[in-house]
Amino acid sequence: MTVGCLVALTPALPAGSVTGRDELDTLLARYDTETDGPVRDGLSARIDTIAHQKYAAVSRLYWYVDLESAKAAARAQRRPILHLRMLGSLEDDLSCANSRLFRATLYANQDLSGFLRERFVLYWSSERAVPRVTIDYGDGRTLERTTAGNSAHYVLDEHGKVLDVLPGLYTAAAFRQELERSLTLAAQVRDTSDSDRARLVAEYHRQRVADAERDWERVASMPGMAGVRERWTQSRPETTLSAAQRATVSKAAVEVKDLRVVAKEFAPEVLPEDQMETWSAAGRLLYGAATPVLDGTSRALVVRLHNAGPPELRATDEGLRAVITRLEQTIVGDTALNQLRLRPQISREIIRRGGRIDFPSLNAWVYATVFRTPREDAWLGLLPRDVFTGLPGDGVVVRGAR
């Protein structure tokens, strides 16, 4: 078993990137007329390269990977920027768990995809490489996964200043609803003075905190919610990696089982099934999450990815229904957790700063305090030196070191 940090970023197209957007549209038009086969597969790969996103033939989204080009496009179109901050690369299958779920359940959603294309300039950047876990069975079979990575969407104005932050995974409907609120804020602060902008941003986040307090009151009487707020806000003796893995339901569901194989002593307890059901019920109550959560396009991509392995691993119809039911449940639960716990935490920090915030310092705070993966911890909690592993140097290998 090995754990490595790898990231590959496709070079950006020249600044201005209208060419990239136009080429993407041309390729998508050709893709739509092709039948399944090598030519269509080749077009799909080229589309991913131009769009800077894996499975872009499904999402139809164009992402900038250069901030200055994104800001120039945002100013020209008078649109805010939706900035995805993630671990790894959006063009790589093995990006962090959250970003993989974004591609399959958010960006693939046809209603949301159209909304993002029409209202935002899209840009992504990498916080750091994502740790990869490889389990080699010694007979030609391997499992490749990732661990320890959270993602957030930052709403920036056309000058790159932070307006809002949506941490973690949301249902497509709730994600759009919150982004529509941020669009209102973007319109309010456009062409205002720095002092007016700071005041409006702070007021916006005071309202978000007030909304969260009202939502807590709405769910407080639900079965299973008694004492939940206190349990989630109190400190607990756990490793930073455990805290990071517990930050979101969906990421925990994907990564914790792998972590228990690779480093059992660091793995947190996942949410019990009854708590997951409770948070999912809270999400349905608060945000009207419809059933099904996935639209036809995102569901088809989920099925395609789930069944992409060897034929003997392909799920039955009953198995697929169980996978999708659980996925939808965790997405709705994540939406509630993000809105009630993580986002108010970020809003309070923005208020504390008086609405005068810059991306680098706020992002560093989010990853250190909210996601519990501070940049200064180069090992992302996977190498606590107070535990004896029985391995020379705790199994650390640095390529190229003498």
Protein backbone atom coordinates (compact mmCIF):
# COMPACT_ATOMS: atom_id res chain seq x y z
CA MET A 1 0.00 0.00 0.00
CA THR A 2 1.35 3.42 -0.87
CA VAL A 3 0.17 6.95 -0.29
CA GLY A 4 1.44 9.63 -2.63
CA CYS A 5 0.62 13.23 -3.50
CA LEU A 6 0.20 13.79 -7.23
CA VAL A 7 -1.37 16.56 -9.28
CA ALA A 8 -1.32 17.37 -12.97
CA LEU A 9 -2.62 20.66 -14.27
CA THR A 10 -3.29 21.03 -17.97
CA PRO A 11 -1.63 24.25 -19.17
CA ALA A 12 -4.02 27.15 -19.57
CA LEU A 13 -4.96 28.40 -22.98
CA PRO A 14 -3.70 31.89 -23.81
CA ALA A 15 -5.22 34.72 -21.79
CA GLY A 16 -8.52 35.84 -23.20
CA SER A 17 -9.71 32.22 -23.62
CA VAL A 18 -12.70 33.20 -25.77
CA THR A 19 -10.96 30.86 -28.18
CA GLY A 20 -11.23 28.06 -25.65
CA ARG A 21 -14.93 28.65 -25.06
CA ASP A 22 -15.62 28.83 -28.79
CA GLU A 23 -13.61 25.69 -29.48
CA LEU A 24 -15.49 23.90 -26.73
CA ASP A 25 -18.84 24.81 -28.29
CA THR A 26 -17.64 23.59 -31.69
CA LEU A 27 -16.40 20.30 -30.28
CA LEU A 28 -19.61 19.75 -28.31
CA ALA A 29 -21.66 20.26 -31.47
CA ARG A 30 -19.56 17.64 -33.26
CA TYR A 31 -19.75 15.31 -30.26
CA ASP A 32 -23.55 15.45 -30.28
CA THR A 33 -23.71 14.27 -33.91
CA GLU A 34 -21.32 11.34 -33.47
CA THR A 35 -22.40 7.81 -32.61
CA ASP A 36 -20.66 5.87 -29.84
CA GLY A 37 -17.20 4.71 -30.84
CA PRO A 38 -13.54 5.75 -31.05
CA VAL A 39 -14.23 9.07 -32.78
CA ARG A 40 -16.71 10.15 -30.11
CA ASP A 41 -14.35 8.97 -27.37
CA GLY A 42 -11.57 11.05 -28.90
CA LEU A 43 -13.82 14.09 -29.03
CA SER A 44 -14.73 13.55 -25.38
CA ALA A 45 -11.07 13.53 -24.36
CA ARG A 46 -10.39 16.70 -26.37
CA ILE A 47 -13.45 18.37 -24.81
CA ASP A 48 -12.11 17.59 -21.32
CA THR A 49 -8.77 19.18 -22.25
CA ILE A 50 -10.33 22.35 -23.63
CA ALA A 51 -12.88 22.69 -20.82
CA HIS A 52 -10.34 21.93 -18.06
CA GLN A 53 -12.78 19.47 -16.49
CA LYS A 54 -13.23 15.71 -16.55
CA TYR A 55 -16.58 14.65 -18.10
CA ALA A 56 -17.11 18.07 -19.67
CA ALA A 57 -19.09 16.48 -22.52
CA VAL A 58 -21.74 15.95 -19.84
CA SER A 59 -21.44 19.22 -17.90
CA ARG A 60 -20.84 21.50 -20.93
CA LEU A 61 -18.92 23.84 -18.61
CA TYR A 62 -15.81 25.82 -19.47
CA TRP A 63 -13.38 26.46 -16.60
CA TYR A 64 -10.59 29.01 -16.49
CA VAL A 65 -7.37 27.92 -14.80
CA ASP A 66 -5.81 31.40 -14.86
CA LEU A 67 -7.33 33.95 -12.47
CA GLU A 68 -6.38 37.02 -14.47
CA SER A 69 -8.10 35.61 -17.55
CA ALA A 70 -11.15 34.76 -15.46
CA LYS A 71 -11.29 38.30 -14.06
CA ALA A 72 -10.98 39.79 -17.53
CA ALA A 73 -13.87 37.64 -18.75
CA ALA A 74 -15.92 38.53 -15.67
CA ARG A 75 -15.40 42.25 -16.23
CA ALA A 76 -16.27 41.95 -19.91
CA GLN A 77 -19.46 39.98 -19.16
CA ARG A 78 -20.27 41.79 -15.89
CA ARG A 79 -20.60 38.49 -14.08
CA PRO A 80 -19.19 37.21 -10.80
CA ILE A 81 -16.66 34.39 -10.73
CA LEU A 82 -17.45 31.00 -9.22
CA HIS A 83 -14.07 29.82 -7.95
CA LEU A 84 -13.73 26.16 -7.05
CA ARG A 85 -10.86 25.59 -4.63
CA MET A 86 -9.97 21.93 -4.40
CA LEU A 87 -7.21 19.38 -3.91
CA GLY A 88 -5.75 17.97 -7.09
CA SER A 89 -7.00 18.74 -10.59
CA LEU A 90 -10.56 18.94 -11.92
CA GLU A 91 -9.23 17.28 -15.09
CA ASP A 92 -8.11 14.16 -13.23
CA ASP A 93 -10.24 11.16 -12.23
CA LEU A 94 -8.37 11.06 -8.92
CA SER A 95 -9.11 14.57 -7.75
CA CYS A 96 -10.34 14.99 -4.16
CA ALA A 97 -13.57 13.23 -3.19
CA ASN A 98 -15.68 16.38 -2.99
CA SER A 99 -14.70 17.56 -6.46
CA ARG A 100 -15.48 14.12 -7.91
CA LEU A 101 -18.96 14.34 -6.42
CA PHE A 102 -19.34 17.90 -7.74
CA ARG A 103 -18.63 16.65 -11.28
CA ALA A 104 -21.11 13.78 -11.04
CA THR A 105 -23.98 15.35 -9.07
CA LEU A 106 -23.73 19.14 -9.49
CA TYR A 107 -22.02 20.03 -12.74
CA ALA A 108 -23.75 17.19 -14.61
CA ASN A 109 -27.17 18.44 -13.52
CA GLN A 110 -28.65 20.03 -16.64
CA ASP A 111 -30.60 22.81 -14.92
CA LEU A 112 -27.62 23.81 -12.77
CA SER A 113 -25.17 23.50 -15.63
CA GLY A 114 -27.20 25.92 -17.75
CA PHE A 115 -27.50 28.32 -14.83
CA LEU A 116 -23.73 28.30 -14.25
CA ARG A 117 -22.98 28.87 -17.94
CA GLU A 118 -25.36 31.82 -18.14
CA ARG A 119 -24.63 33.60 -14.85
CA PHE A 120 -21.01 32.94 -13.81
CA VAL A 121 -17.46 32.84 -15.08
CA LEU A 122 -16.03 29.55 -13.82
CA TYR A 123 -12.51 29.17 -12.47
CA TRP A 124 -10.79 26.46 -10.45
CA SER A 125 -7.51 26.29 -8.62
CA SER A 126 -5.70 23.67 -6.57
CA GLU A 127 -5.02 24.08 -2.86
CA ARG A 128 -2.41 21.32 -3.03
CA ALA A 129 -1.91 17.85 -4.49
CA VAL A 130 -4.40 15.27 -3.26
CA PRO A 131 -3.00 12.26 -1.37
CA ARG A 132 -3.55 9.05 -3.35
CA VAL A 133 -3.92 5.64 -1.80
CA THR A 134 -2.92 2.56 -3.80
CA ILE A 135 -3.68 -0.94 -2.51
CA ASP A 136 -1.80 -3.54 -4.53
CA TYR A 137 -3.16 -7.09 -4.23
CA GLY A 138 -0.03 -8.55 -5.82
CA ASP A 139 -1.87 -10.35 -8.62
CA GLY A 140 -2.34 -7.49 -11.08
CA ARG A 141 -5.29 -5.97 -9.22
CA THR A 142 -5.02 -2.60 -7.49
CA LEU A 143 -7.39 -0.14 -5.88
CA GLU A 144 -6.65 3.57 -6.31
CA ARG A 145 -8.40 6.14 -4.12
CA THR A 146 -7.76 9.53 -2.51
CA THR A 147 -7.99 10.74 1.06
CA ALA A 148 -7.97 13.95 3.12
CA GLY A 149 -9.32 16.60 0.79
CA ASN A 150 -12.18 19.09 1.06
CA SER A 151 -13.36 21.64 -1.49
CA ALA A 152 -15.25 24.93 -1.45
CA HIS A 153 -16.87 27.22 -4.00
CA TYR A 154 -15.98 30.89 -3.55
CA VAL A 155 -18.10 33.56 -5.19
CA LEU A 156 -15.81 36.40 -6.29
CA ASP A 157 -16.66 39.72 -7.86
CA GLU A 158 -15.12 40.58 -11.23
CA HIS A 159 -12.05 41.96 -9.44
CA GLY A 160 -11.45 38.72 -7.57
CA LYS A 161 -12.72 39.87 -4.17
CA VAL A 162 -14.60 37.32 -2.06
CA LEU A 163 -18.36 37.74 -1.68
CA ASP A 164 -19.53 34.34 -0.44
CA VAL A 165 -18.33 30.80 0.27
CA LEU A 166 -20.20 27.51 -0.11
CA PRO A 167 -18.20 24.73 1.56
CA GLY A 168 -18.62 21.11 0.57
CA LEU A 169 -21.37 19.33 -1.33
CA TYR A 170 -24.95 20.55 -1.85
CA THR A 171 -27.99 19.33 -3.69
CA ALA A 172 -28.19 20.99 -7.09
CA ALA A 173 -31.38 22.86 -6.12
CA ALA A 174 -29.95 24.21 -2.85
CA PHE A 175 -26.65 25.10 -4.55
CA ARG A 176 -28.48 27.14 -7.16
CA GLN A 177 -30.66 28.82 -4.53
CA GLU A 178 -27.62 29.96 -2.55
CA LEU A 179 -25.78 31.10 -5.68
CA GLU A 180 -28.81 33.18 -6.68
CA ARG A 181 -28.48 35.00 -3.36
CA SER A 182 -24.82 35.64 -4.06
CA LEU A 183 -25.73 37.03 -7.49
CA THR A 184 -27.94 39.60 -5.75
CA LEU A 185 -25.00 40.59 -3.53
CA ALA A 186 -22.70 40.80 -6.57
CA ALA A 187 -25.10 43.21 -8.25
CA GLN A 188 -25.35 45.32 -5.07
CA VAL A 189 -21.60 45.75 -4.63
CA ARG A 190 -20.76 46.33 -8.28
CA ASP A 191 -19.30 49.81 -8.84
CA THR A 192 -19.54 50.73 -5.13
CA SER A 193 -16.81 52.17 -2.93
CA ASP A 194 -14.63 49.90 -0.82
CA SER A 195 -16.38 50.99 2.38
CA ASP A 196 -19.87 50.43 0.94
CA ARG A 197 -18.80 47.08 -0.45
CA ALA A 198 -17.46 45.94 2.94
CA ARG A 199 -20.66 47.06 4.67
CA LEU A 200 -22.90 45.23 2.20
CA VAL A 201 -20.82 42.05 2.39
CA ALA A 202 -20.92 42.08 6.20
CA GLU A 203 -24.69 42.68 6.19
CA TYR A 204 -25.19 39.81 3.78
CA HIS A 205 -23.32 37.42 6.05
CA ARG A 206 -25.17 38.62 9.14
CA GLN A 207 -28.32 37.58 7.31
CA ARG A 208 -26.82 34.18 6.49
CA VAL A 209 -26.01 33.62 10.17
CA ALA A 210 -29.53 34.70 11.16
CA ASP A 211 -30.97 32.29 8.58
CA ALA A 212 -28.92 29.45 10.04
CA GLU A 213 -30.14 30.25 13.56
CA ARG A 214 -33.76 30.10 12.37
CA ASP A 215 -33.04 26.82 10.60
CA TRP A 216 -31.62 25.35 13.80
CA GLU A 217 -34.86 26.29 15.53
CA ARG A 218 -36.87 24.58 12.80
CA VAL A 219 -35.03 21.28 13.12
CA ALA A 220 -34.53 21.31 16.91
CA SER A 221 -37.75 19.39 17.60
CA MET A 222 -37.12 16.72 14.95
CA PRO A 223 -36.60 13.16 16.23
CA GLY A 224 -32.91 12.53 16.82
CA MET A 225 -31.90 16.23 16.78
CA ALA A 226 -31.94 16.79 20.54
CA GLY A 227 -28.45 17.78 21.62
CA VAL A 228 -27.01 17.44 18.11
CA ARG A 229 -25.90 21.05 17.93
CA GLU A 230 -23.99 20.78 21.20
CA ARG A 231 -22.35 17.52 20.18
CA TRP A 232 -21.18 18.93 16.86
CA THR A 233 -19.86 22.20 18.29
CA GLN A 234 -18.07 20.85 21.37
CA SER A 235 -14.39 20.02 21.12
CA ARG A 236 -13.44 16.36 21.07
CA PRO A 237 -10.14 14.50 21.49
CA GLU A 238 -9.34 13.37 17.95
CA THR A 239 -6.60 13.70 15.40
CA THR A 240 -6.70 16.51 12.86
CA LEU A 241 -7.20 13.90 10.12
CA SER A 242 -10.24 12.49 11.93
CA ALA A 243 -11.69 15.98 12.28
CA ALA A 244 -11.07 16.70 8.60
CA GLN A 245 -12.69 13.44 7.51
CA ARG A 246 -15.76 14.12 9.65
CA ALA A 247 -16.29 17.60 8.21
CA THR A 248 -18.76 16.40 5.59
CA VAL A 249 -21.01 13.35 5.36
CA SER A 250 -20.38 12.46 1.72
CA LYS A 251 -16.61 12.70 1.94
CA ALA A 252 -16.59 10.59 5.11
CA ALA A 253 -18.73 7.95 3.41
CA VAL A 254 -16.29 7.78 0.48
CA GLU A 255 -12.95 7.96 2.29
CA VAL A 256 -13.19 6.64 5.85
CA LYS A 257 -13.37 2.93 4.90
CA ASP A 258 -10.21 3.35 2.84
CA LEU A 259 -8.51 5.22 5.67
CA ARG A 260 -9.26 2.37 8.06
CA VAL A 261 -7.38 0.04 5.73
CA VAL A 262 -4.39 2.33 5.25
CA ALA A 263 -4.12 3.89 8.72
CA LYS A 264 -6.72 2.41 11.03
CA GLU A 265 -5.45 4.24 14.09
CA PHE A 266 -6.26 7.61 12.51
CA ALA A 267 -9.71 6.81 11.11
CA PRO A 268 -12.72 8.55 12.67
CA GLU A 269 -16.05 6.96 13.35
CA VAL A 270 -18.43 7.70 10.50
CA LEU A 271 -21.90 9.03 11.20
CA PRO A 272 -24.19 6.25 12.42
CA GLU A 273 -26.96 5.38 9.98
CA ASP A 274 -29.63 6.94 12.21
CA GLN A 275 -27.71 10.25 12.37
CA MET A 276 -27.24 10.24 8.61
CA GLU A 277 -30.97 9.70 8.20
CA THR A 278 -31.66 12.49 10.71
CA TRP A 279 -29.48 14.98 8.84
CA SER A 280 -31.00 13.93 5.53
CA ALA A 281 -34.49 14.49 7.00
CA ALA A 282 -33.35 17.91 8.24
CA GLY A 283 -32.13 18.77 4.76
CA ARG A 284 -35.43 17.78 3.19
CA LEU A 285 -37.32 19.87 5.75
CA LEU A 286 -35.14 22.96 5.38
CA TYR A 287 -34.36 23.00 1.69
CA GLY A 288 -37.21 21.07 0.12
CA ALA A 289 -34.89 18.48 -1.36
CA ALA A 290 -36.98 16.60 -3.86
CA THR A 291 -36.75 12.90 -4.53
CA PRO A 292 -34.88 12.02 -6.67
CA VAL A 293 -32.04 14.44 -5.89
CA LEU A 294 -30.16 13.52 -9.05
CA ASP A 295 -31.59 14.48 -12.42
CA GLY A 296 -31.49 12.04 -15.34
CA THR A 297 -28.14 13.24 -16.67
CA SER A 298 -26.29 13.17 -13.35
CA ARG A 299 -27.83 9.82 -12.48
CA ALA A 300 -26.65 8.39 -15.82
CA LEU A 301 -23.10 9.63 -15.14
CA VAL A 302 -23.16 8.11 -11.64
CA VAL A 303 -24.26 4.76 -13.07
CA ARG A 304 -21.66 4.93 -15.84
CA LEU A 305 -18.83 5.64 -13.41
CA HIS A 306 -19.98 3.06 -10.87
CA ASN A 307 -20.10 0.33 -13.53
CA ALA A 308 -16.90 1.32 -15.33
CA GLY A 309 -14.80 -1.43 -13.74
CA PRO A 310 -14.41 -5.10 -14.69
CA PRO A 311 -17.66 -6.81 -15.79
CA GLU A 312 -17.80 -8.94 -12.66
CA LEU A 313 -18.07 -5.78 -10.52
CA ARG A 314 -21.01 -4.26 -12.37
CA ALA A 315 -23.92 -3.68 -10.05
CA THR A 316 -27.36 -5.16 -10.48
CA ASP A 317 -30.34 -2.85 -10.89
CA GLU A 318 -31.14 -3.42 -7.24
CA GLY A 319 -27.56 -2.66 -6.25
CA LEU A 320 -27.56 0.55 -8.28
CA ARG A 321 -30.80 1.68 -6.64
CA ALA A 322 -29.20 1.14 -3.23
CA VAL A 323 -26.06 3.08 -4.22
CA ILE A 324 -28.05 6.01 -5.58
CA THR A 325 -30.42 6.06 -2.61
CA ARG A 326 -27.49 6.27 -0.22
CA LEU A 327 -25.73 8.89 -2.34
CA GLU A 328 -28.82 11.08 -2.46
CA GLN A 329 -29.31 10.70 1.28
CA THR A 330 -25.75 11.80 2.04
CA ILE A 331 -25.97 14.75 -0.38
CA VAL A 332 -29.09 16.04 1.36
CA GLY A 333 -27.47 15.46 4.75
CA ASP A 334 -24.35 17.30 3.62
CA THR A 335 -26.47 20.25 2.49
CA ALA A 336 -27.96 20.56 5.98
CA LEU A 337 -24.59 20.16 7.71
CA ASN A 338 -22.92 22.70 5.43
CA GLN A 339 -25.68 25.26 5.86
CA LEU A 340 -26.06 24.81 9.63
CA ARG A 341 -22.43 24.26 10.67
CA LEU A 342 -19.75 25.15 8.16
CA ARG A 343 -21.16 28.11 6.28
CA PRO A 344 -22.21 30.10 9.39
CA GLN A 345 -18.71 29.54 10.75
CA ILE A 346 -17.28 31.15 7.61
CA SER A 347 -19.86 33.95 7.64
CA ARG A 348 -18.96 34.83 11.24
CA GLU A 349 -15.30 35.11 10.24
CA ILE A 350 -16.21 37.41 7.34
CA ILE A 351 -18.28 39.55 9.73
CA ARG A 352 -15.39 39.61 12.20
CA ARG A 353 -13.20 41.00 9.43
CA GLY A 354 -15.76 43.71 8.72
CA GLY A 355 -16.52 42.44 5.23
CA ARG A 356 -13.00 43.35 4.11
CA ILE A 357 -11.64 40.02 2.98
CA ASP A 358 -9.10 38.77 0.49
CA PHE A 359 -9.08 35.29 -0.97
CA PRO A 360 -5.61 34.10 0.15
CA SER A 361 -6.08 34.84 3.84
CA LEU A 362 -9.71 33.69 4.02
CA ASN A 363 -8.95 30.50 2.10
CA ALA A 364 -6.03 29.74 4.42
CA TRP A 365 -8.38 30.21 7.38
CA VAL A 366 -11.08 27.98 5.83
CA TYR A 367 -8.69 25.10 5.20
CA ALA A 368 -7.01 25.43 8.60
CA THR A 369 -10.07 26.06 10.79
CA VAL A 370 -13.15 24.75 8.96
CA PHE A 371 -11.68 21.85 6.98
CA ARG A 372 -8.94 21.16 9.57
CA THR A 373 -6.22 20.69 6.94
CA PRO A 374 -3.83 23.62 7.49
CA ARG A 375 -1.28 24.27 4.78
CA GLU A 376 1.60 24.06 7.25
CA ASP A 377 0.79 20.37 7.84
CA ALA A 378 2.51 18.95 4.79
CA TRP A 379 1.29 15.42 5.64
CA LEU A 380 -2.41 16.33 6.06
CA GLY A 381 -2.64 14.55 9.40
CA LEU A 382 -1.47 11.23 7.93
CA LEU A 383 1.89 11.34 9.74
CA PRO A 384 1.37 12.04 13.46
CA ARG A 385 4.73 11.34 15.09
CA ASP A 386 3.25 10.33 18.43
CA VAL A 387 2.13 6.88 17.17
CA PHE A 388 4.52 3.94 16.69
CA THR A 389 3.86 2.14 13.40
CA GLY A 390 6.72 -0.38 13.43
CA LEU A 391 7.94 0.96 10.07
CA PRO A 392 11.33 2.63 9.50
CA GLY A 393 10.64 6.34 9.52
CA ASP A 394 6.88 5.56 9.73
CA GLY A 395 7.01 4.40 6.12
CA VAL A 396 8.00 7.77 4.66
CA VAL A 397 9.70 7.61 1.26
CA VAL A 398 10.79 10.81 -0.46
CA ARG A 399 11.56 10.27 -4.14
CA GLY A 400 14.96 11.57 -5.15
CA ALA A 401 16.21 11.79 -1.57
CA ARG A 402 19.64 10.38 -0.77
